[in-house]
Amino acid sequence: QVQLVESGGGLVQAGGSLKLSCVASGTVFSFRTMGWHRQAPGKQRELVARISSGGNTAYGDSVKGRFTISRDNAKRTAYLQMNSLKPEDTAVYYCFLGDTWGQGTQVTVSS
């Protein structure tokens, strides 16, 4: 059974940085696309970033140039480095691996 554990969320001032981690267990991690979506109150869930097993990446338009996704297959972990954070980045960030989702971690950016 696949399990994902996220960490790294929190409160940060605008312009600051945070790094999210997502650790997977119970699956063949290396061969699946992994990434994050986010959902703000009253808004639809949207793609933040994803990374394929081969390292190909894709980003949502609103985070391009500010966020970087990476993965360490040996550690079964994906990372999301978030720089130049804006108040509009405030949301619950959900890690996914294939069709499995994590519990979410809150990111709050104060102005």
N, C-alpha and C. Protein backbone atom coordinates (compact mmCIF):
# COMPACT_ATOMS: atom_id res chain seq x y z
N GLN A 1 0.84 -1.19 0.00
CA GLN A 1 0.00 0.00 0.00
C GLN A 1 0.88 1.24 0.00
N VAL A 2 0.56 2.17 -0.89
CA VAL A 2 1.35 3.39 -1.02
C VAL A 2 1.01 4.36 0.11
N GLN A 3 2.04 4.97 0.67
CA GLN A 3 1.85 6.04 1.64
C GLN A 3 2.80 7.18 1.31
N LEU A 4 2.30 8.40 1.46
CA LEU A 4 3.09 9.61 1.22
C LEU A 4 3.05 10.47 2.47
N VAL A 5 4.20 10.93 2.90
CA VAL A 5 4.29 11.78 4.08
C VAL A 5 4.97 13.08 3.67
N GLU A 6 4.24 14.17 3.84
CA GLU A 6 4.74 15.49 3.46
C GLU A 6 5.26 16.23 4.69
N SER A 7 6.20 17.12 4.45
CA SER A 7 6.70 17.99 5.51
C SER A 7 7.25 19.25 4.89
N GLY A 8 7.47 20.25 5.75
CA GLY A 8 8.13 21.46 5.29
C GLY A 8 7.24 22.68 5.15
N GLY A 9 5.94 22.49 5.32
CA GLY A 9 5.06 23.65 5.22
C GLY A 9 5.22 24.56 6.43
N GLY A 10 4.55 25.71 6.36
CA GLY A 10 4.61 26.64 7.48
C GLY A 10 4.25 28.04 7.08
N LEU A 11 4.61 28.98 7.93
CA LEU A 11 4.32 30.39 7.74
C LEU A 11 5.60 31.13 7.36
N VAL A 12 5.52 31.92 6.31
CA VAL A 12 6.69 32.67 5.86
C VAL A 12 6.24 34.02 5.33
N GLN A 13 7.10 35.00 5.40
CA GLN A 13 6.78 36.31 4.86
C GLN A 13 6.96 36.33 3.35
N ALA A 14 6.25 37.22 2.71
CA ALA A 14 6.39 37.37 1.26
C ALA A 14 7.85 37.62 0.90
N GLY A 15 8.28 36.96 -0.16
CA GLY A 15 9.66 37.04 -0.58
C GLY A 15 10.55 35.96 0.00
N GLY A 16 10.02 35.24 0.97
CA GLY A 16 10.79 34.18 1.62
C GLY A 16 10.75 32.87 0.86
N SER A 17 11.32 31.83 1.49
CA SER A 17 11.45 30.52 0.86
C SER A 17 11.00 29.42 1.82
N LEU A 18 10.53 28.36 1.24
CA LEU A 18 10.23 27.12 1.96
C LEU A 18 10.60 25.96 1.07
N LYS A 19 10.88 24.82 1.70
CA LYS A 19 11.16 23.61 0.94
C LYS A 19 10.28 22.49 1.47
N LEU A 20 9.46 21.95 0.59
CA LEU A 20 8.60 20.84 0.93
C LEU A 20 9.28 19.52 0.57
N SER A 21 9.00 18.50 1.38
CA SER A 21 9.49 17.16 1.10
C SER A 21 8.30 16.20 1.10
N CYS A 22 8.43 15.16 0.31
CA CYS A 22 7.40 14.12 0.25
C CYS A 22 8.10 12.78 0.17
N VAL A 23 7.92 11.96 1.21
CA VAL A 23 8.57 10.66 1.27
C VAL A 23 7.54 9.58 0.98
N ALA A 24 7.89 8.67 0.08
CA ALA A 24 6.99 7.59 -0.32
C ALA A 24 7.45 6.27 0.27
N SER A 25 6.47 5.45 0.61
CA SER A 25 6.77 4.10 1.08
C SER A 25 5.78 3.13 0.46
N GLY A 26 6.20 1.88 0.37
CA GLY A 26 5.28 0.84 -0.06
C GLY A 26 5.01 0.79 -1.54
N THR A 27 5.93 1.33 -2.35
CA THR A 27 5.65 1.32 -3.78
C THR A 27 6.95 1.34 -4.56
N VAL A 28 6.84 1.13 -5.85
CA VAL A 28 7.99 1.27 -6.73
C VAL A 28 8.10 2.74 -7.10
N PHE A 29 8.76 3.47 -6.27
CA PHE A 29 8.81 4.93 -6.38
C PHE A 29 9.43 5.39 -7.69
N SER A 30 10.46 4.69 -8.10
CA SER A 30 11.30 5.21 -9.18
C SER A 30 10.58 5.36 -10.50
N PHE A 31 9.51 4.61 -10.70
CA PHE A 31 8.92 4.54 -12.02
C PHE A 31 7.64 5.35 -12.18
N ARG A 32 7.38 6.23 -11.24
CA ARG A 32 6.14 6.98 -11.30
C ARG A 32 6.40 8.48 -11.24
N THR A 33 5.52 9.20 -11.90
CA THR A 33 5.56 10.66 -11.82
C THR A 33 5.12 11.10 -10.43
N MET A 34 5.81 12.12 -9.94
CA MET A 34 5.53 12.63 -8.60
C MET A 34 5.44 14.15 -8.67
N GLY A 35 4.71 14.73 -7.74
CA GLY A 35 4.63 16.18 -7.76
C GLY A 35 3.71 16.72 -6.70
N TRP A 36 3.33 17.98 -6.89
CA TRP A 36 2.43 18.67 -5.97
C TRP A 36 1.32 19.39 -6.73
N HIS A 37 0.17 19.35 -6.13
CA HIS A 37 -0.92 20.26 -6.46
C HIS A 37 -1.15 21.13 -5.23
N ARG A 38 -1.90 22.19 -5.40
CA ARG A 38 -2.27 23.01 -4.25
C ARG A 38 -3.73 23.44 -4.38
N GLN A 39 -4.31 23.74 -3.23
CA GLN A 39 -5.69 24.20 -3.21
C GLN A 39 -5.84 25.29 -2.17
N ALA A 40 -6.25 26.46 -2.63
CA ALA A 40 -6.53 27.59 -1.74
C ALA A 40 -8.02 27.60 -1.44
N PRO A 41 -8.42 28.22 -0.34
CA PRO A 41 -9.84 28.28 0.02
C PRO A 41 -10.68 28.88 -1.10
N GLY A 42 -11.73 28.17 -1.46
CA GLY A 42 -12.64 28.66 -2.48
C GLY A 42 -12.15 28.52 -3.91
N LYS A 43 -11.00 27.87 -4.09
CA LYS A 43 -10.43 27.71 -5.43
C LYS A 43 -10.26 26.24 -5.77
N GLN A 44 -10.15 25.96 -7.06
CA GLN A 44 -9.93 24.60 -7.51
C GLN A 44 -8.49 24.18 -7.26
N ARG A 45 -8.29 22.87 -7.11
CA ARG A 45 -6.94 22.36 -6.98
C ARG A 45 -6.21 22.57 -8.30
N GLU A 46 -4.96 22.99 -8.22
CA GLU A 46 -4.17 23.25 -9.43
C GLU A 46 -2.79 22.61 -9.33
N LEU A 47 -2.26 22.28 -10.49
CA LEU A 47 -0.91 21.72 -10.54
C LEU A 47 0.11 22.78 -10.16
N VAL A 48 1.02 22.40 -9.28
CA VAL A 48 2.16 23.25 -8.95
C VAL A 48 3.38 22.80 -9.77
N ALA A 49 3.73 21.52 -9.64
CA ALA A 49 4.88 20.99 -10.35
C ALA A 49 4.82 19.47 -10.35
N ARG A 50 5.42 18.87 -11.36
CA ARG A 50 5.53 17.42 -11.39
C ARG A 50 6.86 17.05 -12.01
N ILE A 51 7.33 15.85 -11.69
CA ILE A 51 8.59 15.35 -12.21
C ILE A 51 8.43 13.88 -12.54
N SER A 52 8.83 13.51 -13.74
CA SER A 52 8.68 12.13 -14.18
C SER A 52 9.80 11.28 -13.63
N SER A 53 9.67 9.98 -13.85
CA SER A 53 10.72 9.07 -13.39
C SER A 53 12.05 9.37 -14.07
N GLY A 54 11.99 9.93 -15.26
CA GLY A 54 13.21 10.27 -15.99
C GLY A 54 13.73 11.66 -15.70
N GLY A 55 13.01 12.39 -14.83
CA GLY A 55 13.49 13.72 -14.46
C GLY A 55 12.90 14.87 -15.24
N ASN A 56 11.97 14.58 -16.15
CA ASN A 56 11.32 15.67 -16.88
C ASN A 56 10.36 16.40 -15.95
N THR A 57 10.38 17.72 -16.02
CA THR A 57 9.59 18.53 -15.10
C THR A 57 8.57 19.38 -15.85
N ALA A 58 7.53 19.74 -15.11
CA ALA A 58 6.52 20.66 -15.61
C ALA A 58 6.02 21.49 -14.44
N TYR A 59 5.68 22.76 -14.73
CA TYR A 59 5.27 23.68 -13.67
C TYR A 59 4.00 24.42 -14.06
N GLY A 60 3.22 24.77 -13.04
CA GLY A 60 2.11 25.66 -13.28
C GLY A 60 2.63 27.04 -13.65
N ASP A 61 1.87 27.75 -14.46
CA ASP A 61 2.32 29.05 -14.96
C ASP A 61 2.64 30.02 -13.82
N SER A 62 1.89 29.96 -12.74
CA SER A 62 2.04 30.93 -11.67
C SER A 62 3.30 30.73 -10.83
N VAL A 63 3.96 29.59 -10.99
CA VAL A 63 5.15 29.32 -10.17
C VAL A 63 6.42 29.18 -10.98
N LYS A 64 6.30 29.24 -12.30
CA LYS A 64 7.49 29.10 -13.14
C LYS A 64 8.53 30.16 -12.80
N GLY A 65 9.77 29.70 -12.69
CA GLY A 65 10.86 30.61 -12.37
C GLY A 65 11.06 30.84 -10.89
N ARG A 66 10.11 30.40 -10.07
CA ARG A 66 10.22 30.59 -8.61
C ARG A 66 10.34 29.26 -7.86
N PHE A 67 9.68 28.23 -8.36
CA PHE A 67 9.68 26.93 -7.70
C PHE A 67 10.51 25.94 -8.50
N THR A 68 11.14 25.00 -7.80
CA THR A 68 11.92 23.96 -8.44
C THR A 68 11.59 22.62 -7.80
N ILE A 69 11.25 21.65 -8.64
CA ILE A 69 10.96 20.31 -8.14
C ILE A 69 12.14 19.40 -8.45
N SER A 70 12.41 18.48 -7.54
CA SER A 70 13.48 17.50 -7.74
C SER A 70 13.09 16.22 -7.02
N ARG A 71 13.85 15.16 -7.29
CA ARG A 71 13.56 13.89 -6.63
C ARG A 71 14.85 13.14 -6.40
N ASP A 72 14.83 12.33 -5.34
CA ASP A 72 15.95 11.45 -5.01
C ASP A 72 15.37 10.05 -4.92
N ASN A 73 15.55 9.27 -5.97
CA ASN A 73 14.93 7.94 -6.00
C ASN A 73 15.47 7.03 -4.91
N ALA A 74 16.72 7.17 -4.57
CA ALA A 74 17.31 6.33 -3.52
C ALA A 74 16.65 6.59 -2.17
N LYS A 75 16.24 7.82 -1.95
CA LYS A 75 15.58 8.18 -0.69
C LYS A 75 14.06 8.16 -0.81
N ARG A 76 13.55 7.81 -2.01
CA ARG A 76 12.10 7.77 -2.24
C ARG A 76 11.45 9.11 -1.87
N THR A 77 12.12 10.18 -2.21
CA THR A 77 11.69 11.49 -1.78
C THR A 77 11.67 12.47 -2.95
N ALA A 78 10.63 13.30 -2.96
CA ALA A 78 10.58 14.43 -3.88
C ALA A 78 10.62 15.72 -3.07
N TYR A 79 11.16 16.75 -3.69
CA TYR A 79 11.32 18.03 -3.02
C TYR A 79 10.72 19.15 -3.87
N LEU A 80 10.20 20.15 -3.19
CA LEU A 80 9.72 21.33 -3.89
C LEU A 80 10.34 22.54 -3.21
N GLN A 81 11.31 23.16 -3.87
CA GLN A 81 11.93 24.37 -3.37
C GLN A 81 11.11 25.56 -3.86
N MET A 82 10.61 26.34 -2.92
CA MET A 82 9.75 27.47 -3.24
C MET A 82 10.44 28.77 -2.83
N ASN A 83 10.76 29.59 -3.80
CA ASN A 83 11.43 30.87 -3.56
C ASN A 83 10.52 32.02 -3.97
N SER A 84 10.86 33.20 -3.51
CA SER A 84 10.12 34.42 -3.85
C SER A 84 8.62 34.21 -3.62
N LEU A 85 8.29 33.68 -2.48
CA LEU A 85 6.90 33.36 -2.20
C LEU A 85 6.03 34.60 -2.13
N LYS A 86 4.79 34.43 -2.58
CA LYS A 86 3.82 35.52 -2.61
C LYS A 86 2.59 35.12 -1.78
N PRO A 87 1.85 36.09 -1.29
CA PRO A 87 0.63 35.76 -0.53
C PRO A 87 -0.31 34.85 -1.32
N GLU A 88 -0.35 34.98 -2.63
CA GLU A 88 -1.23 34.14 -3.44
C GLU A 88 -0.76 32.70 -3.54
N ASP A 89 0.43 32.40 -3.01
CA ASP A 89 0.89 31.02 -2.94
C ASP A 89 0.30 30.30 -1.72
N THR A 90 -0.39 31.03 -0.86
CA THR A 90 -1.00 30.43 0.31
C THR A 90 -2.03 29.38 -0.10
N ALA A 91 -1.85 28.16 0.41
CA ALA A 91 -2.72 27.05 0.04
C ALA A 91 -2.29 25.81 0.83
N VAL A 92 -3.10 24.77 0.71
CA VAL A 92 -2.67 23.45 1.17
C VAL A 92 -2.01 22.77 -0.03
N TYR A 93 -0.82 22.29 0.18
CA TYR A 93 -0.05 21.64 -0.88
C TYR A 93 -0.13 20.13 -0.69
N TYR A 94 -0.55 19.45 -1.75
CA TYR A 94 -0.74 18.01 -1.72
C TYR A 94 0.28 17.34 -2.63
N CYS A 95 1.03 16.43 -2.05
CA CYS A 95 1.96 15.62 -2.83
C CYS A 95 1.18 14.48 -3.50
N PHE A 96 1.62 14.09 -4.70
CA PHE A 96 1.03 12.92 -5.34
C PHE A 96 2.14 12.06 -5.94
N LEU A 97 1.86 10.78 -6.01
CA LEU A 97 2.73 9.80 -6.65
C LEU A 97 1.80 8.88 -7.43
N GLY A 98 1.85 8.96 -8.75
CA GLY A 98 0.87 8.23 -9.55
C GLY A 98 -0.52 8.74 -9.20
N ASP A 99 -1.37 7.85 -8.72
CA ASP A 99 -2.73 8.25 -8.35
C ASP A 99 -2.95 8.25 -6.84
N THR A 100 -1.87 8.32 -6.09
CA THR A 100 -1.94 8.36 -4.62
C THR A 100 -1.61 9.77 -4.15
N TRP A 101 -2.33 10.22 -3.14
CA TRP A 101 -2.17 11.58 -2.63
C TRP A 101 -1.75 11.56 -1.16
N GLY A 102 -0.96 12.57 -0.79
CA GLY A 102 -0.62 12.76 0.60
C GLY A 102 -1.73 13.50 1.34
N GLN A 103 -1.49 13.75 2.62
CA GLN A 103 -2.51 14.36 3.47
C GLN A 103 -2.55 15.88 3.32
N GLY A 104 -1.53 16.45 2.74
CA GLY A 104 -1.48 17.90 2.54
C GLY A 104 -0.70 18.59 3.64
N THR A 105 -0.05 19.69 3.25
CA THR A 105 0.67 20.51 4.22
C THR A 105 0.35 21.98 3.92
N GLN A 106 0.11 22.74 4.97
CA GLN A 106 -0.30 24.12 4.81
C GLN A 106 0.90 25.02 4.58
N VAL A 107 0.80 25.86 3.57
CA VAL A 107 1.78 26.92 3.32
C VAL A 107 1.04 28.24 3.41
N THR A 108 1.51 29.12 4.27
CA THR A 108 0.91 30.43 4.44
C THR A 108 1.96 31.51 4.23
N VAL A 109 1.69 32.43 3.32
CA VAL A 109 2.62 33.50 3.02
C VAL A 109 1.97 34.82 3.44
N SER A 110 2.60 35.50 4.37
CA SER A 110 2.05 36.76 4.86
C SER A 110 2.62 37.93 4.07
N SER A 111 1.81 38.96 3.94
CA SER A 111 2.24 40.13 3.15
C SER A 111 2.94 41.14 4.03
